[in-house]
Protein backbone atom coordinates (compact mmCIF):
# COMPACT_ATOMS: atom_id res chain seq x y z
CA UNK A 1 -19.61 -14.44 -56.05
CA UNK A 2 -18.67 -17.48 -53.95
CA UNK A 3 -17.31 -20.76 -55.29
CA UNK A 4 -20.54 -22.39 -54.14
CA UNK A 5 -22.55 -19.94 -56.25
CA UNK A 6 -20.35 -20.67 -59.26
CA UNK A 7 -20.82 -24.41 -58.88
CA UNK A 8 -24.58 -23.95 -59.09
CA UNK A 9 -24.57 -21.84 -62.24
CA UNK A 10 -25.60 -23.39 -65.53
CA UNK A 11 -25.57 -22.04 -69.06
CA UNK A 12 -27.37 -23.02 -72.21
CA UNK A 13 -24.92 -23.67 -75.04
CA UNK A 14 -26.34 -23.69 -78.56
CA UNK A 15 -24.51 -24.53 -81.78
CA UNK A 16 -26.41 -23.55 -84.92
CA UNK A 17 -25.47 -25.34 -88.11
CA UNK A 18 -27.02 -25.23 -91.55
CA UNK A 19 -28.62 -28.67 -91.10
CA UNK A 20 -28.75 -29.34 -87.35
CA UNK A 21 -28.73 -27.28 -84.17
CA UNK A 22 -27.28 -28.85 -81.02
CA UNK A 23 -27.89 -27.57 -77.52
CA UNK A 24 -26.95 -28.51 -73.97
CA UNK A 25 -27.01 -27.41 -70.36
CA UNK A 26 -23.49 -26.90 -69.04
CA UNK A 27 -22.18 -26.21 -65.55
CA UNK A 28 -19.15 -24.14 -64.58
CA UNK A 29 -16.91 -27.23 -64.63
CA UNK A 30 -17.70 -27.94 -68.27
CA UNK A 31 -19.99 -30.89 -67.57
CA UNK A 32 -22.91 -31.25 -69.97
CA UNK A 33 -25.90 -32.07 -67.77
CA UNK A 34 -28.39 -32.58 -70.60
CA UNK A 35 -28.42 -32.10 -74.36
CA UNK A 36 -30.52 -32.43 -77.49
CA UNK A 37 -30.90 -31.24 -81.07
CA UNK A 38 -33.37 -29.99 -83.66
CA UNK A 39 -33.26 -29.63 -87.45
CA UNK A 40 -32.31 -26.07 -88.36
CA UNK A 41 -33.60 -26.42 -91.90
CA UNK A 42 -37.13 -27.30 -90.70
CA UNK A 43 -37.77 -23.70 -89.60
CA UNK A 44 -38.05 -21.10 -92.33
CA UNK A 45 -38.90 -18.33 -89.85
CA UNK A 46 -36.46 -17.56 -87.05
CA UNK A 47 -39.32 -17.03 -84.58
CA UNK A 48 -40.51 -20.60 -85.17
CA UNK A 49 -36.95 -21.84 -84.68
CA UNK A 50 -36.64 -20.05 -81.34
CA UNK A 51 -40.06 -21.39 -80.26
CA UNK A 52 -38.80 -24.91 -81.03
CA UNK A 53 -35.63 -24.32 -79.01
CA UNK A 54 -37.71 -23.14 -76.07
CA UNK A 55 -40.04 -26.14 -76.26
CA UNK A 56 -37.10 -28.56 -76.34
CA UNK A 57 -34.83 -26.87 -73.78
CA UNK A 58 -37.42 -25.98 -71.11
CA UNK A 59 -38.05 -29.63 -70.05
CA UNK A 60 -34.28 -30.16 -69.74
CA UNK A 61 -34.01 -27.08 -67.52
CA UNK A 62 -36.81 -28.33 -65.29
CA UNK A 63 -35.04 -31.68 -64.92
CA UNK A 64 -31.65 -30.28 -63.87
CA UNK A 65 -32.42 -26.90 -62.33
CA UNK A 66 -32.96 -27.85 -58.67
CA UNK A 67 -30.60 -25.59 -56.72
CA UNK A 68 -28.92 -24.52 -59.94
CA UNK A 69 -29.51 -21.11 -61.51
CA UNK A 70 -29.58 -20.34 -65.23
CA UNK A 71 -26.90 -17.73 -65.85
CA UNK A 72 -27.39 -17.13 -69.56
CA UNK A 73 -27.32 -18.44 -73.11
CA UNK A 74 -24.32 -18.71 -75.41
CA UNK A 75 -24.77 -19.26 -79.15
CA UNK A 76 -22.28 -20.24 -81.82
CA UNK A 77 -23.62 -19.50 -85.31
CA UNK A 78 -22.41 -18.71 -88.83
CA UNK A 79 -21.89 -14.98 -89.44
CA UNK A 80 -22.76 -14.13 -85.84
CA UNK A 81 -21.88 -10.59 -84.75
CA UNK A 82 -20.63 -10.61 -81.16
CA UNK A 83 -21.22 -6.90 -80.60
CA UNK A 84 -24.71 -6.66 -82.05
CA UNK A 85 -26.04 -10.13 -81.20
CA UNK A 86 -27.10 -10.60 -84.79
CA UNK A 87 -26.74 -13.24 -87.48
CA UNK A 88 -25.84 -11.38 -90.65
CA UNK A 89 -26.27 -12.63 -94.21
CA UNK A 90 -25.56 -16.28 -93.36
CA UNK A 91 -25.64 -18.16 -96.69
CA UNK A 92 -26.33 -21.61 -95.22
CA UNK A 93 -29.18 -20.66 -92.85
CA UNK A 94 -32.86 -20.34 -93.81
CA UNK A 95 -33.22 -16.81 -92.35
CA UNK A 96 -31.98 -14.11 -94.66
CA UNK A 97 -30.72 -10.60 -93.97
CA UNK A 98 -29.78 -9.39 -90.50
CA UNK A 99 -31.49 -11.37 -87.71
CA UNK A 100 -31.54 -9.88 -84.14
CA UNK A 101 -31.09 -13.35 -82.72
CA UNK A 102 -29.75 -12.58 -79.21
CA UNK A 103 -32.54 -10.08 -78.58
CA UNK A 104 -35.19 -12.58 -79.66
CA UNK A 105 -33.65 -15.28 -77.46
CA UNK A 106 -33.60 -13.00 -74.42
CA UNK A 107 -37.24 -12.09 -74.99
CA UNK A 108 -38.17 -15.78 -75.13
CA UNK A 109 -36.01 -17.20 -72.34
CA UNK A 110 -35.77 -14.19 -70.03
CA UNK A 111 -31.96 -14.35 -69.64
CA UNK A 112 -29.03 -12.66 -71.37
CA UNK A 113 -27.79 -14.15 -74.62
CA UNK A 114 -24.31 -13.76 -76.15
CA UNK A 115 -23.19 -15.07 -79.51
CA UNK A 116 -20.26 -15.38 -81.87
CA UNK A 117 -19.21 -17.65 -84.71
CA UNK A 118 -18.53 -21.31 -84.03
CA UNK A 119 -14.72 -21.10 -84.29
CA UNK A 120 -14.54 -18.21 -81.81
CA UNK A 121 -16.79 -20.17 -79.47
CA UNK A 122 -14.50 -23.20 -79.82
CA UNK A 123 -11.51 -21.06 -78.81
CA UNK A 124 -13.30 -19.87 -75.66
CA UNK A 125 -14.33 -23.44 -74.86
CA UNK A 126 -10.74 -24.61 -75.22
CA UNK A 127 -9.52 -21.83 -72.93
CA UNK A 128 -12.12 -22.56 -70.27
CA UNK A 129 -12.46 -26.33 -70.46
CA UNK A 130 -9.78 -27.80 -72.76
CA UNK A 131 -6.10 -27.91 -73.71
CA UNK A 132 -5.69 -24.12 -73.46
CA UNK A 133 -6.60 -23.85 -69.78
CA UNK A 134 -4.21 -21.33 -68.24
CA UNK A 135 -3.11 -19.92 -71.61
CA UNK A 136 -3.68 -16.27 -72.47
CA UNK A 137 -2.26 -16.28 -76.00
CA UNK A 138 -3.17 -19.00 -78.47
CA UNK A 139 -4.86 -19.60 -81.81
CA UNK A 140 -7.58 -22.18 -82.39
CA UNK A 141 -7.85 -23.59 -85.91
CA UNK A 142 -10.86 -25.76 -86.76
CA UNK A 143 -10.25 -28.10 -89.69
CA UNK A 144 -13.55 -29.49 -90.91
CA UNK A 145 -15.62 -28.94 -94.04
CA UNK A 146 -14.10 -25.45 -93.91
CA UNK A 147 -11.30 -23.82 -91.90
CA UNK A 148 -12.36 -21.66 -88.97
CA UNK A 149 -10.27 -19.85 -86.38
CA UNK A 150 -10.36 -18.00 -83.10
CA UNK A 151 -7.50 -15.83 -81.82
CA UNK A 152 -6.95 -15.31 -78.10
CA UNK A 153 -4.52 -12.53 -77.17
CA UNK A 154 -3.90 -11.41 -73.60
CA UNK A 155 -6.74 -13.65 -72.45
CA UNK A 156 -9.26 -11.98 -74.75
CA UNK A 157 -10.82 -13.13 -77.99
CA UNK A 158 -9.95 -10.86 -80.91
CA UNK A 159 -13.22 -9.64 -82.42
CA UNK A 160 -12.05 -6.59 -84.36
CA UNK A 161 -14.08 -3.39 -84.67
CA UNK A 162 -17.11 -5.12 -86.19
CA UNK A 163 -17.12 -8.54 -84.50
CA UNK A 164 -15.87 -10.51 -87.50
CA UNK A 165 -12.09 -10.65 -86.95
CA UNK A 166 -10.12 -13.87 -87.16
CA UNK A 167 -11.09 -15.34 -90.54
CA UNK A 168 -7.71 -17.01 -90.96
CA UNK A 169 -9.18 -19.73 -93.16
CA UNK A 170 -9.80 -17.16 -95.88
CA UNK A 171 -6.30 -15.69 -95.84
CA UNK A 172 -4.42 -16.29 -99.09
CA UNK A 173 -1.64 -18.88 -98.83
CA UNK A 174 -1.02 -19.29 -102.57
CA UNK A 175 -1.72 -16.14 -104.60
CA UNK A 176 -3.55 -17.04 -107.80
CA UNK A 177 -4.00 -20.59 -106.52
CA UNK A 178 -6.97 -22.92 -106.22
CA UNK A 179 -10.34 -21.20 -106.66
CA UNK A 180 -12.59 -21.48 -103.61
CA UNK A 181 -15.89 -23.23 -104.35
CA UNK A 182 -18.09 -20.61 -102.66
CA UNK A 183 -16.15 -17.36 -102.13
CA UNK A 184 -14.41 -17.36 -105.50
CA UNK A 185 -11.11 -16.30 -103.91
CA UNK A 186 -7.96 -17.88 -105.29
CA UNK A 187 -5.48 -19.66 -103.02
CA UNK A 188 -7.10 -19.42 -99.58
CA UNK A 189 -6.06 -21.71 -96.74
CA UNK A 190 -9.56 -23.22 -96.66
CA UNK A 191 -9.22 -24.28 -100.30
CA UNK A 192 -6.28 -26.51 -99.30
CA UNK A 193 -6.45 -27.46 -95.60
CA UNK A 194 -10.17 -28.18 -95.13
CA UNK A 195 -11.71 -31.62 -95.60
CA UNK A 196 -13.15 -30.27 -98.86
CA UNK A 197 -9.72 -29.07 -99.96
CA UNK A 198 -8.10 -32.40 -99.08
CA UNK A 199 -10.67 -34.22 -101.24
CA UNK A 200 -9.85 -31.90 -104.17
CA UNK A 201 -6.12 -32.52 -103.70
CA UNK A 202 -6.65 -36.28 -103.48
CA UNK A 203 -8.66 -36.41 -106.70
CA UNK A 204 -5.98 -34.40 -108.48
CA UNK A 205 -3.09 -36.51 -107.16
CA UNK A 206 -4.72 -39.89 -107.81
CA UNK A 207 -5.26 -38.92 -111.45
CA UNK A 208 -1.49 -38.42 -111.73
CA UNK A 209 -0.65 -41.78 -110.05
CA UNK A 210 -2.79 -44.62 -111.49
CA UNK A 211 -1.28 -47.18 -109.06
CA UNK A 212 -2.52 -45.30 -105.99
CA UNK A 213 -4.96 -47.09 -103.67
CA UNK A 214 -7.12 -43.97 -103.98
CA UNK A 215 -8.09 -45.14 -107.45
CA UNK A 216 -9.91 -48.09 -105.91
CA UNK A 217 -12.60 -45.70 -104.62
CA UNK A 218 -15.44 -44.19 -106.67
CA UNK A 219 -14.99 -40.46 -107.31
CA UNK A 220 -17.81 -39.41 -104.99
CA UNK A 221 -16.38 -41.35 -102.02
CA UNK A 222 -12.98 -39.65 -102.03
CA UNK A 223 -12.74 -37.60 -98.83
CA UNK A 224 -10.30 -36.99 -95.97
CA UNK A 225 -11.39 -40.26 -94.33
CA UNK A 226 -10.64 -42.42 -97.38
CA UNK A 227 -7.32 -40.62 -97.84
CA UNK A 228 -6.43 -41.42 -94.22
CA UNK A 229 -7.38 -45.09 -94.68
CA UNK A 230 -5.06 -45.33 -97.68
CA UNK A 231 -2.27 -43.47 -95.89
CA UNK A 232 -2.49 -45.90 -92.97
CA UNK A 233 -2.01 -48.75 -95.44
CA UNK A 234 1.15 -47.07 -96.72
CA UNK A 235 -0.13 -45.62 -99.99
CA UNK A 236 2.51 -43.05 -101.06
CA UNK A 237 -0.03 -40.88 -102.89
CA UNK A 238 -2.34 -40.62 -99.89
CA UNK A 239 0.64 -39.81 -97.65
CA UNK A 240 1.67 -37.12 -100.13
CA UNK A 241 -1.83 -35.62 -100.03
CA UNK A 242 -1.43 -35.06 -96.30
CA UNK A 243 2.18 -33.89 -96.66
CA UNK A 244 1.11 -31.29 -99.23
CA UNK A 245 -1.85 -30.25 -97.06
CA UNK A 246 0.41 -30.03 -94.01
CA UNK A 247 2.87 -27.87 -95.95
CA UNK A 248 0.16 -25.38 -96.92
CA UNK A 249 -1.16 -25.38 -93.35
CA UNK A 250 2.31 -24.96 -91.83
CA UNK A 251 3.21 -22.07 -94.13
CA UNK A 252 0.00 -20.31 -93.09
CA UNK A 253 0.60 -21.05 -89.40
CA UNK A 254 4.02 -19.39 -89.65
CA UNK A 255 2.32 -16.18 -90.75
CA UNK A 256 -0.18 -16.47 -87.91
CA UNK A 257 2.60 -16.99 -85.35
CA UNK A 258 4.48 -13.91 -86.51
CA UNK A 259 1.25 -11.92 -86.33
CA UNK A 260 0.26 -12.65 -82.72
CA UNK A 261 3.13 -14.66 -81.13
CA UNK A 262 0.91 -17.28 -79.49
CA UNK A 263 2.00 -19.80 -76.89
CA UNK A 264 0.28 -22.55 -78.84
CA UNK A 265 -1.80 -23.32 -81.90
CA UNK A 266 -4.60 -25.78 -81.23
CA UNK A 267 -6.01 -27.86 -84.06
CA UNK A 268 -9.55 -29.17 -83.90
CA UNK A 269 -12.01 -30.94 -86.21
CA UNK A 270 -12.44 -34.08 -88.26
CA UNK A 271 -9.31 -33.51 -90.37
CA UNK A 272 -6.98 -33.87 -87.36
CA UNK A 273 -7.81 -37.59 -87.25
CA UNK A 274 -5.03 -37.82 -89.82
CA UNK A 275 -2.64 -37.38 -86.86
CA UNK A 276 1.08 -37.23 -87.67
CA UNK A 277 0.43 -37.56 -91.41
CA UNK A 278 -0.74 -33.95 -91.15
CA UNK A 279 0.89 -32.69 -87.94
CA UNK A 280 4.52 -33.50 -88.80
CA UNK A 281 4.64 -31.65 -92.15
CA UNK A 282 2.61 -28.79 -90.67
CA UNK A 283 5.10 -28.39 -87.81
CA UNK A 284 8.08 -28.74 -90.18
CA UNK A 285 6.88 -26.04 -92.58
CA UNK A 286 5.71 -23.75 -89.81
CA UNK A 287 9.17 -23.78 -88.20
CA UNK A 288 10.93 -23.51 -91.56
CA UNK A 289 9.10 -20.31 -92.41
CA UNK A 290 9.46 -18.55 -89.05
CA UNK A 291 11.98 -15.87 -88.21
CA UNK A 292 14.60 -17.26 -85.79
CA UNK A 293 13.16 -15.32 -82.83
CA UNK A 294 9.88 -17.27 -83.14
CA UNK A 295 11.28 -20.76 -83.75
CA UNK A 296 10.77 -23.64 -81.30
CA UNK A 297 8.52 -21.51 -79.10
CA UNK A 298 5.02 -22.38 -80.29
CA UNK A 299 3.38 -25.69 -79.43
CA UNK A 300 1.24 -27.28 -82.14
CA UNK A 301 -1.27 -29.51 -80.38
CA UNK A 302 -4.61 -31.19 -80.90
CA UNK A 303 -7.71 -30.12 -79.02
CA UNK A 304 -8.71 -31.99 -75.86
CA UNK A 305 -12.43 -31.33 -76.27
CA UNK A 306 -14.68 -34.15 -77.38
CA UNK A 307 -15.67 -33.37 -80.96
CA UNK A 308 -19.33 -34.22 -80.40
CA UNK A 309 -19.65 -31.83 -77.43
CA UNK A 310 -17.11 -29.12 -78.24
CA UNK A 311 -19.57 -26.81 -80.00
CA UNK A 312 -21.96 -26.88 -77.03
CA UNK A 313 -19.14 -26.30 -74.53
CA UNK A 314 -17.71 -23.50 -76.64
CA UNK A 315 -21.05 -21.73 -76.92
CA UNK A 316 -21.70 -22.04 -73.19
CA UNK A 317 -18.24 -20.57 -72.46
CA UNK A 318 -19.48 -17.29 -73.95
CA UNK A 319 -21.72 -16.85 -70.92
CA UNK A 320 -18.72 -16.91 -68.57
CA UNK A 321 -16.24 -15.14 -70.82
CA UNK A 322 -13.84 -13.02 -68.73
CA UNK A 323 -15.29 -14.43 -65.48
CA UNK A 324 -12.66 -17.12 -64.82
């Protein structure tokens, strides 16, 4: 395939969330030519959801197609099975059981469809369009409402035998620790390093320090954003919330480094807006817990992808996986 042919290829990138689904048309350079969204929760039947996607995406394709050719569809979705093209037992989606999503999409759109979970898609997007360009070994950690991850080794995403490998957010970092609000596991990374986990930590810490600025906020407004605002103003308790979170994250990252020896760990998501309040303790405790042979080798960096568009870019990267 010539470079000219590549430049005229476009992919549909779709990010399915429990509330909203975002989609866009992406070219081989990672430029989003058009985008839109629909409400996931409005469609109780998956067939109706796919019909709505088709009705919304087709006009965008007609506007940008010209000399371009549609190469395929990439989908990031909860509990997506890369090998089978299915969404399996996703608790936050309206369609229950095992849904043959990729097959249904191909029948509707007439092009191939590949899918994986959103964190895996983000890792591919970072490798193709972001801070991991040129890297063949890295780990992507998404720090949002939960903690997701994608592991790239030797230039390939690690899927495992069943398509569900790489759930680093659910690894146990404190045995017998904090109970997870949905899985029931005790001491998982997600229970501490996610935005939800940070809010739990902040509420616990502010109760112990009545003079903290965090006590100026109503209980239901305490989140990672309010903690960051207080930390910026110099509140010791808010700073300690991030230090504690960074410690738990760094200890987990040390384990991940010794597992796959990546060139870098990329952090992505709303939580990273905390910047050095989180990054410095994470780096400190990662290095402190590494064997000497691994120390000072692994970069800990923030994603370069725009948060609003990263999910679409990551999903579209599935279409060109292993082609660049």
